[in-house]
Amino acid sequence: MRLIEAVRDGLREELEADSGVFLIGQDIGLNGGVFRVTEGLIEEYGPSRVIDSPLAESGIVGVAIGAAMNGMRPVVEIQFADFIFPAFNQVVSEAARMYYRTNGEYSVPLVIRAPYGGGVRGGLYHSQSVEAYFAHVPGLKVVVPSSPYESKGLLKAAIRDDNPVLFFEHKLAYNTVRGEVPEGDYTVPIGEAAVKREGEQLSLISYGLSVHHCLEAAETLSVEGISCEVVDLRTVRPLDTDTLLESVKKTGRACIAHEDNLTGGVGGEVA
C-alpha cells in the first residue's frame, strides 16, 4: 500500500467509527485535496463531514478549535505546511494552551494534517519543513510518520487523542513509499520511536522520508563492514529519549539526519 492510501484509509475508518469526526480544508471535498489524499470521501460521507473551506487558514483552524471544544473531532488539512503560518496564532495561542488556561475544563481534540518537505520541485513556498516551530510549544504533539503502517496507525491515534496533534506527511513519500498495512483496526502509540534496523557501530537517527535515506545508507555501509542502527523518531514531540539513549549507548556513536534547517531544529534537540 502507498503512504497516501494508508492516510486515506485511516481517515475513512475514523469517519466511519465516530460521527463526531469531520474533515475540513481547501479543496478536500470535490477535488479530493491538492494531492488527492481525501479523494472519494465526500461521496461516502457528504459535504457536512468533508467540508470545502475558504482559503483562510486562520479561519479553518479557528472553526476547528471551536468544534473540538464542543465535542467534535475535526481533522484539518492545510494544503501545504508552508501555508500554516496564517493559523500560527490559533494553533499556538489557542489550541495548544486551551487545556491549561481552562484548568482542564476544555480540551481540543484536533488534528492538523499538512504535507511538508521538498523534492517535488515546489519552490520556496511548497517545500518547507515546519515541524520545529511547533515542537517548541507546550500542549502540542508533533507526529511525522515514515511508512504507510505508521501513517495509518499514528493518524488514528492522533484523531482519538484528546489534545491537539500536528501531523506532517512528506509529500514526496505519498506515492513513492510503499509498505504492508495490516487489516482491521490498529493504532501506533504517539511518543514511541522505532528501531527500523538493528546495528552495533553507529546510530542513524531520523524521521519522515529521511528515514528511508538512512536505511539506504545503512545498507551501503554494511557492504564496507560498518553496522548501523536506524532509529525512526516517528514523533518529534514528545521525543522518545529512552529509545534514543538505549541505541546510542549500544553503538557509541550518533548521526542525525533530517530535512529541516540545520540550526534550532529537531536534530539539535536530539543531539
Protein backbone atom coordinates (compact mmCIF):
# COMPACT_ATOMS: atom_id res chain seq x y z
CA MET A 1 0.00 0.00 0.00
CA ARG A 2 1.18 3.51 -0.81
CA LEU A 3 1.54 6.03 2.01
CA ILE A 4 -1.20 8.21 0.52
CA GLU A 5 -3.60 5.25 0.55
CA ALA A 6 -2.78 4.49 4.17
CA VAL A 7 -3.62 8.05 5.21
CA ARG A 8 -6.89 7.90 3.27
CA ASP A 9 -7.79 4.56 4.87
CA GLY A 10 -7.09 5.95 8.33
CA LEU A 11 -9.36 8.92 7.69
CA ARG A 12 -12.11 6.72 6.25
CA GLU A 13 -12.05 4.32 9.20
CA GLU A 14 -12.24 7.12 11.77
CA LEU A 15 -15.07 8.84 9.87
CA GLU A 16 -16.92 5.54 9.89
CA ALA A 17 -16.24 4.77 13.55
CA ASP A 18 -17.06 8.17 15.08
CA SER A 19 -19.81 10.51 13.88
CA GLY A 20 -18.01 13.38 15.64
CA VAL A 21 -15.07 13.18 13.23
CA PHE A 22 -15.15 15.53 10.26
CA LEU A 23 -12.61 16.83 7.74
CA ILE A 24 -12.15 20.46 6.73
CA GLY A 25 -9.73 22.15 4.35
CA GLN A 26 -9.24 23.79 0.98
CA ASP A 27 -10.46 21.70 -1.97
CA ILE A 28 -10.54 18.48 0.07
CA GLY A 29 -14.10 17.62 -0.92
CA LEU A 30 -14.95 17.77 -4.61
CA ASN A 31 -11.30 17.79 -5.69
CA GLY A 32 -10.02 15.38 -3.04
CA GLY A 33 -7.25 17.75 -1.96
CA VAL A 34 -4.25 19.00 -3.88
CA PHE A 35 -2.56 15.59 -3.54
CA ARG A 36 -5.87 13.65 -3.71
CA VAL A 37 -5.48 12.30 -0.17
CA THR A 38 -9.20 12.72 0.56
CA GLU A 39 -10.37 11.61 -2.87
CA GLY A 40 -13.76 9.88 -2.75
CA LEU A 41 -14.53 10.67 0.89
CA ILE A 42 -17.09 13.37 0.14
CA GLU A 43 -19.08 10.86 -1.90
CA GLU A 44 -19.06 8.47 1.07
CA TYR A 45 -19.70 10.91 3.93
CA GLY A 46 -21.19 14.01 2.35
CA PRO A 47 -20.31 17.72 2.39
CA SER A 48 -21.24 18.17 6.06
CA ARG A 49 -18.37 15.88 7.13
CA VAL A 50 -15.89 16.55 4.31
CA ILE A 51 -16.00 20.33 4.18
CA ASP A 52 -14.52 22.50 1.44
CA SER A 53 -13.37 25.64 3.23
CA PRO A 54 -12.46 29.13 2.02
CA LEU A 55 -8.79 29.94 1.50
CA ALA A 56 -8.28 31.19 5.07
CA GLU A 57 -6.06 29.04 7.25
CA SER A 58 -6.67 31.06 10.41
CA GLY A 59 -10.40 30.69 9.92
CA ILE A 60 -10.16 26.96 9.18
CA VAL A 61 -8.22 26.24 12.36
CA GLY A 62 -10.32 28.65 14.42
CA VAL A 63 -13.54 26.91 13.36
CA ALA A 64 -11.96 23.53 14.10
CA ILE A 65 -10.89 24.62 17.60
CA GLY A 66 -14.42 25.74 18.38
CA ALA A 67 -15.86 22.47 17.10
CA ALA A 68 -13.32 20.45 19.09
CA MET A 69 -14.21 22.30 22.29
CA ASN A 70 -17.84 21.35 21.69
CA GLY A 71 -17.45 17.61 21.37
CA MET A 72 -16.35 17.13 17.75
CA ARG A 73 -13.07 15.68 16.49
CA PRO A 74 -12.07 17.80 13.47
CA VAL A 75 -9.25 16.87 11.12
CA VAL A 76 -7.90 19.95 9.34
CA GLU A 77 -5.93 19.72 6.12
CA ILE A 78 -3.56 22.61 5.43
CA GLN A 79 -2.84 22.42 1.73
CA PHE A 80 0.93 22.77 2.21
CA ALA A 81 2.80 23.01 5.51
CA ASP A 82 4.22 26.28 4.19
CA PHE A 83 0.73 27.78 4.40
CA ILE A 84 0.19 27.03 8.09
CA PHE A 85 1.67 30.33 9.30
CA PRO A 86 -1.53 32.41 8.96
CA ALA A 87 -3.00 29.97 11.52
CA PHE A 88 0.01 30.10 13.83
CA ASN A 89 -1.73 32.17 16.49
CA GLN A 90 -4.75 29.86 16.51
CA VAL A 91 -2.54 26.78 16.88
CA VAL A 92 -0.04 28.14 19.40
CA SER A 93 -2.05 30.63 21.46
CA GLU A 94 -5.43 28.90 21.41
CA ALA A 95 -5.36 25.16 20.64
CA ALA A 96 -2.12 24.40 22.49
CA ARG A 97 -2.99 26.41 25.59
CA MET A 98 -6.71 25.73 25.99
CA TYR A 99 -6.45 22.79 28.39
CA TYR A 100 -4.06 24.72 30.65
CA ARG A 101 -5.88 28.04 30.55
CA THR A 102 -9.22 26.40 31.48
CA ASN A 103 -7.64 24.24 34.20
CA GLY A 104 -8.62 21.10 32.30
CA GLU A 105 -12.25 22.10 31.73
CA TYR A 106 -11.82 22.17 27.94
CA SER A 107 -9.64 20.04 25.73
CA VAL A 108 -9.08 20.42 21.99
CA PRO A 109 -9.16 17.02 20.22
CA LEU A 110 -7.91 18.44 16.93
CA VAL A 111 -5.64 17.04 14.22
CA ILE A 112 -3.95 19.32 11.71
CA ARG A 113 -2.54 17.46 8.72
CA ALA A 114 -0.12 19.07 6.29
CA PRO A 115 2.23 17.84 3.55
CA TYR A 116 5.79 19.03 4.15
CA GLY A 117 9.26 18.73 2.62
CA GLY A 118 10.98 19.16 -0.71
CA GLY A 119 11.95 17.02 -3.66
CA VAL A 120 8.92 17.79 -5.81
CA ARG A 121 10.16 21.00 -7.45
CA GLY A 122 7.78 23.01 -5.34
CA GLY A 123 9.95 26.05 -4.83
CA LEU A 124 10.25 28.10 -1.67
CA TYR A 125 6.52 28.18 -0.81
CA HIS A 126 5.84 24.46 -1.26
CA SER A 127 8.92 22.73 0.14
CA GLN A 128 9.43 23.77 3.76
CA SER A 129 9.74 21.62 6.86
CA VAL A 130 7.99 23.42 9.71
CA GLU A 131 7.88 20.81 12.48
CA ALA A 132 10.45 22.53 14.71
CA TYR A 133 8.27 25.64 15.07
CA PHE A 134 5.58 23.56 16.75
CA ALA A 135 7.76 21.06 18.60
CA HIS A 136 8.80 24.00 20.79
CA VAL A 137 5.24 24.61 22.03
CA PRO A 138 3.86 23.03 25.23
CA GLY A 139 0.45 21.47 24.66
CA LEU A 140 1.12 20.23 21.13
CA LYS A 141 2.08 16.79 19.87
CA VAL A 142 4.01 16.67 16.57
CA VAL A 143 3.97 13.48 14.50
CA VAL A 144 5.99 12.78 11.34
CA PRO A 145 5.46 9.22 10.02
CA SER A 146 7.79 7.47 7.60
CA SER A 147 5.78 4.48 6.34
CA PRO A 148 2.23 3.51 5.39
CA TYR A 149 1.92 1.36 8.53
CA GLU A 150 2.87 4.24 10.81
CA SER A 151 0.94 6.82 8.82
CA LYS A 152 -2.33 5.00 9.30
CA GLY A 153 -1.72 3.87 12.88
CA LEU A 154 -0.42 7.22 14.11
CA LEU A 155 -3.18 9.14 12.32
CA LYS A 156 -5.85 7.03 14.00
CA ALA A 157 -4.13 7.55 17.36
CA ALA A 158 -3.96 11.30 16.70
CA ILE A 159 -7.67 11.55 15.87
CA ARG A 160 -8.53 9.71 19.09
CA ASP A 161 -6.22 11.90 21.18
CA ASP A 162 -7.96 14.45 23.38
CA ASN A 163 -5.38 17.16 22.69
CA PRO A 164 -4.11 18.85 19.53
CA VAL A 165 -1.79 16.93 17.22
CA LEU A 166 0.10 18.26 14.20
CA PHE A 167 0.53 15.51 11.65
CA PHE A 168 3.10 16.14 8.90
CA GLU A 169 3.21 13.91 5.82
CA HIS A 170 6.13 14.14 3.40
CA LYS A 171 4.67 14.97 0.02
CA LEU A 172 7.36 13.05 -1.90
CA ALA A 173 6.58 9.96 0.18
CA TYR A 174 2.88 9.91 -0.75
CA ASN A 175 3.37 7.82 -3.89
CA THR A 176 6.96 6.61 -3.57
CA VAL A 177 6.89 4.89 -0.19
CA ARG A 178 5.04 1.59 -0.01
CA GLY A 179 4.63 -0.97 2.73
CA GLU A 180 2.46 -3.56 4.38
CA VAL A 181 -0.55 -2.35 6.36
CA PRO A 182 -2.49 -4.83 8.50
CA GLU A 183 -6.21 -5.30 8.06
CA GLY A 184 -8.52 -4.25 10.86
CA ASP A 185 -8.34 -1.55 13.47
CA TYR A 186 -4.96 -0.68 14.97
CA THR A 187 -3.10 2.34 16.28
CA VAL A 188 0.56 3.23 16.72
CA PRO A 189 1.29 4.97 20.05
CA ILE A 190 2.25 8.62 19.84
CA GLY A 191 5.60 9.31 21.51
CA GLU A 192 7.32 5.99 20.75
CA ALA A 193 10.29 5.74 18.40
CA ALA A 194 11.04 2.57 16.44
CA VAL A 195 14.30 0.82 15.60
CA LYS A 196 13.99 0.13 11.87
CA ARG A 197 17.31 -1.67 11.55
CA GLU A 198 19.47 -3.21 14.26
CA GLY A 199 23.15 -2.27 14.32
CA GLU A 200 26.24 -2.16 16.54
CA GLN A 201 28.59 0.64 15.46
CA LEU A 202 26.55 3.75 14.60
CA SER A 203 23.04 5.03 15.35
CA LEU A 204 21.40 6.81 12.41
CA ILE A 205 18.51 8.86 13.80
CA SER A 206 15.83 10.45 11.64
CA TYR A 207 12.12 10.82 10.93
CA GLY A 208 9.80 11.08 7.94
CA LEU A 209 11.17 10.47 4.46
CA SER A 210 14.75 10.85 5.69
CA VAL A 211 14.41 7.51 7.49
CA HIS A 212 14.49 5.82 4.09
CA HIS A 213 17.69 7.67 3.17
CA CYS A 214 19.19 6.38 6.42
CA LEU A 215 18.14 2.82 5.63
CA GLU A 216 19.77 3.12 2.21
CA ALA A 217 22.95 4.50 3.78
CA ALA A 218 22.99 1.71 6.35
CA GLU A 219 22.72 -0.89 3.59
CA THR A 220 25.56 0.75 1.65
CA LEU A 221 27.79 0.91 4.75
CA SER A 222 27.09 -2.73 5.58
CA VAL A 223 28.99 -3.68 2.43
CA GLU A 224 32.02 -1.96 3.95
CA GLY A 225 31.58 -3.85 7.21
CA ILE A 226 30.01 -0.95 9.16
CA SER A 227 26.98 -1.94 11.21
CA CYS A 228 24.40 0.86 11.51
CA GLU A 229 21.28 1.01 13.61
CA VAL A 230 18.43 3.13 12.21
CA VAL A 231 16.07 4.81 14.67
CA ASP A 232 12.84 6.37 13.39
CA LEU A 233 11.60 9.04 15.82
CA ARG A 234 8.04 8.87 14.41
CA THR A 235 7.05 11.57 16.93
CA VAL A 236 9.23 14.67 17.36
CA ARG A 237 7.17 15.87 20.32
CA PRO A 238 7.08 14.13 22.71
CA LEU A 239 10.53 12.73 21.99
CA ASP A 240 11.24 9.13 22.93
CA THR A 241 14.53 9.73 24.72
CA ASP A 242 14.62 6.23 26.21
CA THR A 243 14.87 4.54 22.81
CA LEU A 244 17.42 7.10 21.60
CA LEU A 245 19.67 6.70 24.63
CA GLU A 246 19.43 2.91 24.51
CA SER A 247 20.54 2.90 20.87
CA VAL A 248 23.43 5.33 21.34
CA LYS A 249 24.64 3.56 24.48
CA LYS A 250 24.85 0.39 22.41
CA THR A 251 26.61 1.85 19.35
CA GLY A 252 28.61 4.66 20.98
CA ARG A 253 28.04 6.97 18.01
CA ALA A 254 25.13 9.00 16.66
CA CYS A 255 24.43 10.59 13.28
CA ILE A 256 21.28 12.69 12.98
CA ALA A 257 19.71 13.27 9.57
CA HIS A 258 16.69 15.42 8.80
CA GLU A 259 15.42 17.72 6.07
CA ASP A 260 14.73 20.80 8.21
CA ASN A 261 17.09 23.74 8.81
CA LEU A 262 20.40 22.83 10.40
CA THR A 263 20.12 25.05 13.49
CA GLY A 264 17.40 25.30 16.10
CA GLY A 265 15.58 22.19 14.95
CA VAL A 266 14.75 18.64 15.93
CA GLY A 267 18.28 17.50 15.13
CA GLY A 268 19.74 19.87 17.70
CA GLU A 269 17.21 18.71 20.28
CA VAL A 270 18.13 15.07 19.68
CA ALA A 271 21.84 15.90 19.91
